[in-house]
Amino acid sequence: LALSETDFESVSHERMRAMIEGADPETTGKLGGKLKKAAVAIEEIGTELKTRSTVVAWEGEGGEAFREAATVLAEVKAAMPPPSSASHAEAARLMTKLAGSYRWSSMNMTAAERPKFPP
C-alpha cells in the first residue's frame, strides 16, 4: 500500500490505524540528529584519509522536510480517532494529510544538494 498514492476513503479505519500504530514520532524525529552526528563522523574519517574533506551537514530544505514529516506523523497519530463509522472520514483526512507530508518531504529531500567529496 503506497501511502502517498492511497485513496484513504476506501481503506478501512482499522487498516489506517494499523498503518501508523507502530510509528514512533519521537524516534523518527531523533533520526535527523543521528544523521547529523553521522555527518560529523564521516567528516572526521574523511579528514584522516585525505587532507581535505567536505561534508554537508543535513540542514536546509532536505533536513527541514524530514523534520516536518516527523511532526506531521506525531500530529496524525495523536489525532487518529478510534474506529467507528462516524470517525472514518476524519481518519481518512488525517492519513491523506500524512501522505501529503511524506510526498512533500520526499520531493524536498530528493531535491536537496547531495554532498560532494573530493577525489
N, C-alpha and C. Protein backbone atom coordinates (compact mmCIF):
# COMPACT_ATOMS: atom_id res chain seq x y z
N LEU A 1 0.85 -1.18 0.00
CA LEU A 1 0.00 0.00 0.00
C LEU A 1 0.90 1.24 0.00
N ALA A 2 1.02 1.90 -1.12
CA ALA A 2 1.85 3.10 -1.22
C ALA A 2 1.11 4.26 -0.56
N LEU A 3 1.65 4.73 0.56
CA LEU A 3 0.97 5.74 1.37
C LEU A 3 0.64 7.00 0.57
N SER A 4 1.55 7.47 -0.26
CA SER A 4 1.32 8.72 -0.97
C SER A 4 0.33 8.59 -2.13
N GLU A 5 -0.05 7.36 -2.51
CA GLU A 5 -0.95 7.17 -3.64
C GLU A 5 -2.26 6.50 -3.23
N THR A 6 -2.55 6.43 -1.95
CA THR A 6 -3.72 5.70 -1.47
C THR A 6 -4.96 6.58 -1.37
N ASP A 7 -6.08 6.04 -1.80
CA ASP A 7 -7.38 6.68 -1.61
C ASP A 7 -7.88 6.22 -0.24
N PHE A 8 -7.64 7.01 0.76
CA PHE A 8 -7.95 6.59 2.13
C PHE A 8 -9.43 6.46 2.41
N GLU A 9 -10.27 7.05 1.59
CA GLU A 9 -11.72 6.89 1.77
C GLU A 9 -12.13 5.43 1.60
N SER A 10 -11.38 4.68 0.79
CA SER A 10 -11.73 3.28 0.54
C SER A 10 -10.99 2.31 1.45
N VAL A 11 -10.13 2.80 2.32
CA VAL A 11 -9.39 1.96 3.24
C VAL A 11 -10.14 1.91 4.57
N SER A 12 -10.22 0.73 5.17
CA SER A 12 -10.94 0.62 6.43
C SER A 12 -10.24 1.43 7.51
N HIS A 13 -11.02 1.88 8.46
CA HIS A 13 -10.49 2.66 9.58
C HIS A 13 -9.45 1.83 10.33
N GLU A 14 -9.75 0.56 10.54
CA GLU A 14 -8.83 -0.32 11.26
C GLU A 14 -7.49 -0.41 10.52
N ARG A 15 -7.54 -0.50 9.18
CA ARG A 15 -6.31 -0.59 8.38
C ARG A 15 -5.50 0.70 8.48
N MET A 16 -6.19 1.86 8.45
CA MET A 16 -5.48 3.14 8.57
C MET A 16 -4.80 3.24 9.93
N ARG A 17 -5.52 2.84 10.96
CA ARG A 17 -4.95 2.87 12.31
C ARG A 17 -3.74 1.95 12.41
N ALA A 18 -3.85 0.76 11.80
CA ALA A 18 -2.75 -0.20 11.82
C ALA A 18 -1.53 0.35 11.08
N MET A 19 -1.75 1.17 10.05
CA MET A 19 -0.64 1.72 9.27
C MET A 19 0.26 2.62 10.12
N ILE A 20 -0.31 3.28 11.12
CA ILE A 20 0.50 4.20 11.94
C ILE A 20 0.66 3.71 13.37
N GLU A 21 0.07 2.58 13.71
CA GLU A 21 0.11 2.09 15.09
C GLU A 21 1.54 1.94 15.60
N GLY A 22 2.41 1.35 14.81
CA GLY A 22 3.78 1.12 15.26
C GLY A 22 4.71 2.30 15.06
N ALA A 23 4.20 3.37 14.48
CA ALA A 23 5.05 4.54 14.23
C ALA A 23 5.42 5.23 15.53
N ASP A 24 6.64 5.63 15.63
CA ASP A 24 7.12 6.33 16.82
C ASP A 24 7.65 7.70 16.40
N PRO A 25 6.81 8.73 16.48
CA PRO A 25 7.22 10.06 16.02
C PRO A 25 8.48 10.59 16.71
N GLU A 26 8.64 10.27 17.98
CA GLU A 26 9.82 10.76 18.70
C GLU A 26 11.09 10.14 18.12
N THR A 27 11.05 8.83 17.88
CA THR A 27 12.20 8.15 17.30
C THR A 27 12.47 8.66 15.89
N THR A 28 11.41 8.85 15.11
CA THR A 28 11.57 9.37 13.76
C THR A 28 12.23 10.74 13.78
N GLY A 29 11.79 11.59 14.69
CA GLY A 29 12.38 12.92 14.81
C GLY A 29 13.84 12.88 15.23
N LYS A 30 14.21 11.90 16.05
CA LYS A 30 15.59 11.78 16.52
C LYS A 30 16.53 11.31 15.41
N LEU A 31 15.98 10.68 14.36
CA LEU A 31 16.83 10.21 13.28
C LEU A 31 17.60 11.34 12.62
N GLY A 32 16.99 12.52 12.54
CA GLY A 32 17.69 13.67 11.97
C GLY A 32 18.96 13.99 12.75
N GLY A 33 18.87 13.92 14.07
CA GLY A 33 20.04 14.15 14.92
C GLY A 33 21.12 13.10 14.71
N LYS A 34 20.68 11.85 14.56
CA LYS A 34 21.64 10.77 14.33
C LYS A 34 22.34 10.95 12.99
N LEU A 35 21.58 11.38 11.98
CA LEU A 35 22.18 11.60 10.68
C LEU A 35 23.18 12.75 10.72
N LYS A 36 22.87 13.76 11.52
CA LYS A 36 23.79 14.89 11.66
C LYS A 36 25.08 14.43 12.33
N LYS A 37 24.95 13.58 13.36
CA LYS A 37 26.14 13.02 14.02
C LYS A 37 26.93 12.16 13.06
N ALA A 38 26.23 11.41 12.23
CA ALA A 38 26.91 10.58 11.23
C ALA A 38 27.71 11.46 10.27
N ALA A 39 27.15 12.60 9.92
CA ALA A 39 27.86 13.51 9.02
C ALA A 39 29.17 13.97 9.66
N VAL A 40 29.14 14.23 10.97
CA VAL A 40 30.35 14.65 11.68
C VAL A 40 31.38 13.51 11.67
N ALA A 41 30.91 12.29 11.93
CA ALA A 41 31.81 11.14 11.92
C ALA A 41 32.42 10.92 10.54
N ILE A 42 31.61 11.07 9.50
CA ILE A 42 32.11 10.92 8.13
C ILE A 42 33.16 11.99 7.83
N GLU A 43 32.92 13.17 8.32
CA GLU A 43 33.88 14.26 8.12
C GLU A 43 35.21 13.93 8.79
N GLU A 44 35.15 13.42 10.01
CA GLU A 44 36.38 13.07 10.72
C GLU A 44 37.15 11.97 10.00
N ILE A 45 36.44 10.96 9.52
CA ILE A 45 37.09 9.87 8.78
C ILE A 45 37.70 10.41 7.49
N GLY A 46 36.96 11.25 6.79
CA GLY A 46 37.46 11.84 5.55
C GLY A 46 38.71 12.67 5.77
N THR A 47 38.73 13.40 6.87
CA THR A 47 39.89 14.23 7.18
C THR A 47 41.12 13.36 7.42
N GLU A 48 40.92 12.22 8.07
CA GLU A 48 42.04 11.31 8.30
C GLU A 48 42.54 10.70 7.00
N LEU A 49 41.64 10.42 6.07
CA LEU A 49 42.02 9.78 4.82
C LEU A 49 42.56 10.76 3.79
N LYS A 50 42.10 11.96 3.81
CA LYS A 50 42.52 12.97 2.84
C LYS A 50 42.90 14.24 3.60
N THR A 51 43.64 15.08 2.96
CA THR A 51 43.98 16.34 3.61
C THR A 51 42.83 17.31 3.57
N ARG A 52 41.91 17.11 2.60
CA ARG A 52 40.73 17.96 2.52
C ARG A 52 39.50 17.08 2.42
N SER A 53 38.49 17.43 3.16
CA SER A 53 37.23 16.68 3.11
C SER A 53 36.09 17.66 3.31
N THR A 54 35.02 17.43 2.59
CA THR A 54 33.84 18.28 2.73
C THR A 54 32.65 17.41 3.04
N VAL A 55 31.96 17.74 4.11
CA VAL A 55 30.73 17.04 4.47
C VAL A 55 29.65 18.09 4.62
N VAL A 56 28.56 17.87 3.97
CA VAL A 56 27.43 18.79 4.07
C VAL A 56 26.54 18.31 5.21
N ALA A 57 26.42 19.12 6.25
CA ALA A 57 25.53 18.77 7.37
C ALA A 57 24.10 18.74 6.83
N TRP A 58 23.30 17.90 7.44
CA TRP A 58 21.93 17.76 6.96
C TRP A 58 21.10 18.92 7.46
N GLU A 59 21.14 19.99 6.71
CA GLU A 59 20.40 21.20 7.02
C GLU A 59 19.68 21.63 5.76
N GLY A 60 19.03 22.75 5.83
CA GLY A 60 18.35 23.27 4.64
C GLY A 60 17.05 22.54 4.37
N GLU A 61 16.64 22.54 3.10
CA GLU A 61 15.34 22.01 2.72
C GLU A 61 15.19 20.52 3.01
N GLY A 62 16.22 19.73 2.75
CA GLY A 62 16.14 18.29 2.99
C GLY A 62 15.95 17.97 4.46
N GLY A 63 16.75 18.56 5.31
CA GLY A 63 16.62 18.34 6.75
C GLY A 63 15.30 18.85 7.29
N GLU A 64 14.89 20.01 6.79
CA GLU A 64 13.61 20.58 7.23
C GLU A 64 12.45 19.70 6.79
N ALA A 65 12.53 19.15 5.59
CA ALA A 65 11.48 18.28 5.09
C ALA A 65 11.35 17.04 5.96
N PHE A 66 12.47 16.47 6.37
CA PHE A 66 12.44 15.28 7.22
C PHE A 66 11.81 15.61 8.57
N ARG A 67 12.21 16.73 9.16
CA ARG A 67 11.65 17.13 10.46
C ARG A 67 10.16 17.42 10.35
N GLU A 68 9.73 18.02 9.25
CA GLU A 68 8.31 18.32 9.03
C GLU A 68 7.50 17.02 8.96
N ALA A 69 8.03 16.01 8.28
CA ALA A 69 7.32 14.73 8.18
C ALA A 69 7.16 14.10 9.56
N ALA A 70 8.19 14.18 10.39
CA ALA A 70 8.11 13.64 11.75
C ALA A 70 7.05 14.38 12.57
N THR A 71 6.97 15.69 12.40
CA THR A 71 5.99 16.49 13.12
C THR A 71 4.57 16.13 12.70
N VAL A 72 4.34 16.01 11.40
CA VAL A 72 3.01 15.66 10.91
C VAL A 72 2.63 14.25 11.37
N LEU A 73 3.58 13.32 11.37
CA LEU A 73 3.31 11.98 11.85
C LEU A 73 2.84 12.02 13.31
N ALA A 74 3.50 12.81 14.14
CA ALA A 74 3.10 12.94 15.54
C ALA A 74 1.69 13.51 15.67
N GLU A 75 1.39 14.52 14.86
CA GLU A 75 0.05 15.13 14.89
C GLU A 75 -1.03 14.14 14.49
N VAL A 76 -0.77 13.41 13.40
CA VAL A 76 -1.76 12.45 12.90
C VAL A 76 -1.96 11.32 13.89
N LYS A 77 -0.88 10.81 14.44
CA LYS A 77 -1.01 9.71 15.40
C LYS A 77 -1.80 10.14 16.64
N ALA A 78 -1.54 11.34 17.13
CA ALA A 78 -2.25 11.84 18.31
C ALA A 78 -3.73 12.11 18.02
N ALA A 79 -4.05 12.52 16.80
CA ALA A 79 -5.42 12.90 16.47
C ALA A 79 -6.26 11.76 15.90
N MET A 80 -5.65 10.60 15.61
CA MET A 80 -6.38 9.49 14.99
C MET A 80 -7.48 9.01 15.93
N PRO A 81 -8.75 9.14 15.49
CA PRO A 81 -9.86 8.71 16.36
C PRO A 81 -9.97 7.18 16.38
N PRO A 82 -10.60 6.64 17.43
CA PRO A 82 -10.83 5.20 17.45
C PRO A 82 -11.80 4.80 16.34
N PRO A 83 -11.71 3.55 15.88
CA PRO A 83 -12.57 3.12 14.77
C PRO A 83 -14.07 3.24 15.06
N SER A 84 -14.78 3.86 14.14
CA SER A 84 -16.24 3.92 14.14
C SER A 84 -16.65 4.48 12.80
N SER A 85 -17.85 4.21 12.38
CA SER A 85 -18.28 4.72 11.08
C SER A 85 -18.32 6.24 11.07
N ALA A 86 -18.59 6.85 12.21
CA ALA A 86 -18.67 8.31 12.27
C ALA A 86 -17.30 8.96 12.15
N SER A 87 -16.23 8.26 12.54
CA SER A 87 -14.91 8.87 12.53
C SER A 87 -14.07 8.46 11.32
N HIS A 88 -14.62 7.64 10.44
CA HIS A 88 -13.86 7.17 9.28
C HIS A 88 -13.41 8.32 8.39
N ALA A 89 -14.27 9.28 8.13
CA ALA A 89 -13.91 10.41 7.27
C ALA A 89 -12.75 11.20 7.87
N GLU A 90 -12.76 11.39 9.19
CA GLU A 90 -11.68 12.11 9.85
C GLU A 90 -10.38 11.31 9.76
N ALA A 91 -10.46 10.01 9.94
CA ALA A 91 -9.26 9.17 9.82
C ALA A 91 -8.70 9.26 8.41
N ALA A 92 -9.56 9.22 7.40
CA ALA A 92 -9.11 9.33 6.01
C ALA A 92 -8.47 10.70 5.76
N ARG A 93 -9.04 11.77 6.33
CA ARG A 93 -8.48 13.11 6.17
C ARG A 93 -7.09 13.18 6.79
N LEU A 94 -6.93 12.60 7.97
CA LEU A 94 -5.63 12.62 8.65
C LEU A 94 -4.57 11.84 7.87
N MET A 95 -4.94 10.68 7.35
CA MET A 95 -3.99 9.87 6.60
C MET A 95 -3.63 10.55 5.27
N THR A 96 -4.57 11.25 4.66
CA THR A 96 -4.28 12.00 3.44
C THR A 96 -3.31 13.13 3.75
N LYS A 97 -3.48 13.78 4.91
CA LYS A 97 -2.56 14.83 5.34
C LYS A 97 -1.16 14.25 5.53
N LEU A 98 -1.05 13.09 6.17
CA LEU A 98 0.24 12.45 6.39
C LEU A 98 0.89 12.07 5.06
N ALA A 99 0.11 11.50 4.15
CA ALA A 99 0.64 11.12 2.84
C ALA A 99 1.17 12.35 2.09
N GLY A 100 0.44 13.46 2.18
CA GLY A 100 0.89 14.69 1.53
C GLY A 100 2.19 15.19 2.13
N SER A 101 2.31 15.07 3.44
CA SER A 101 3.54 15.49 4.10
C SER A 101 4.71 14.62 3.66
N TYR A 102 4.48 13.31 3.56
CA TYR A 102 5.54 12.40 3.10
C TYR A 102 5.93 12.72 1.66
N ARG A 103 4.94 12.99 0.82
CA ARG A 103 5.21 13.31 -0.59
C ARG A 103 6.05 14.59 -0.67
N TRP A 104 5.64 15.64 0.07
CA TRP A 104 6.37 16.91 0.09
C TRP A 104 7.79 16.70 0.62
N SER A 105 7.91 15.95 1.71
CA SER A 105 9.23 15.71 2.29
C SER A 105 10.12 14.95 1.33
N SER A 106 9.57 13.94 0.69
CA SER A 106 10.34 13.14 -0.26
C SER A 106 10.85 14.00 -1.41
N MET A 107 9.99 14.85 -1.94
CA MET A 107 10.41 15.72 -3.05
C MET A 107 11.52 16.67 -2.60
N ASN A 108 11.40 17.23 -1.40
CA ASN A 108 12.39 18.19 -0.92
C ASN A 108 13.71 17.52 -0.56
N MET A 109 13.64 16.32 0.03
CA MET A 109 14.87 15.61 0.35
C MET A 109 15.58 15.19 -0.93
N THR A 110 14.82 14.77 -1.93
CA THR A 110 15.41 14.36 -3.20
C THR A 110 16.04 15.55 -3.92
N ALA A 111 15.42 16.72 -3.78
CA ALA A 111 15.91 17.92 -4.46
C ALA A 111 17.12 18.55 -3.77
N ALA A 112 17.38 18.16 -2.52
CA ALA A 112 18.50 18.75 -1.79
C ALA A 112 19.82 18.37 -2.45
N GLU A 113 20.75 19.29 -2.39
CA GLU A 113 22.05 19.03 -2.99
C GLU A 113 22.77 17.93 -2.23
N ARG A 114 23.28 16.98 -2.97
CA ARG A 114 23.99 15.86 -2.35
C ARG A 114 25.41 16.30 -2.00
N PRO A 115 25.96 15.73 -0.94
CA PRO A 115 27.34 16.11 -0.58
C PRO A 115 28.32 15.73 -1.70
N LYS A 116 29.34 16.53 -1.88
CA LYS A 116 30.37 16.26 -2.87
C LYS A 116 31.68 16.06 -2.14
N PHE A 117 32.29 14.92 -2.37
CA PHE A 117 33.56 14.62 -1.72
C PHE A 117 34.67 14.72 -2.75
N PRO A 118 35.78 15.33 -2.37
CA PRO A 118 36.89 15.43 -3.32
C PRO A 118 37.47 14.04 -3.59
N PRO A 119 38.07 13.88 -4.78
CA PRO A 119 38.66 12.56 -5.11
C PRO A 119 39.85 12.22 -4.25
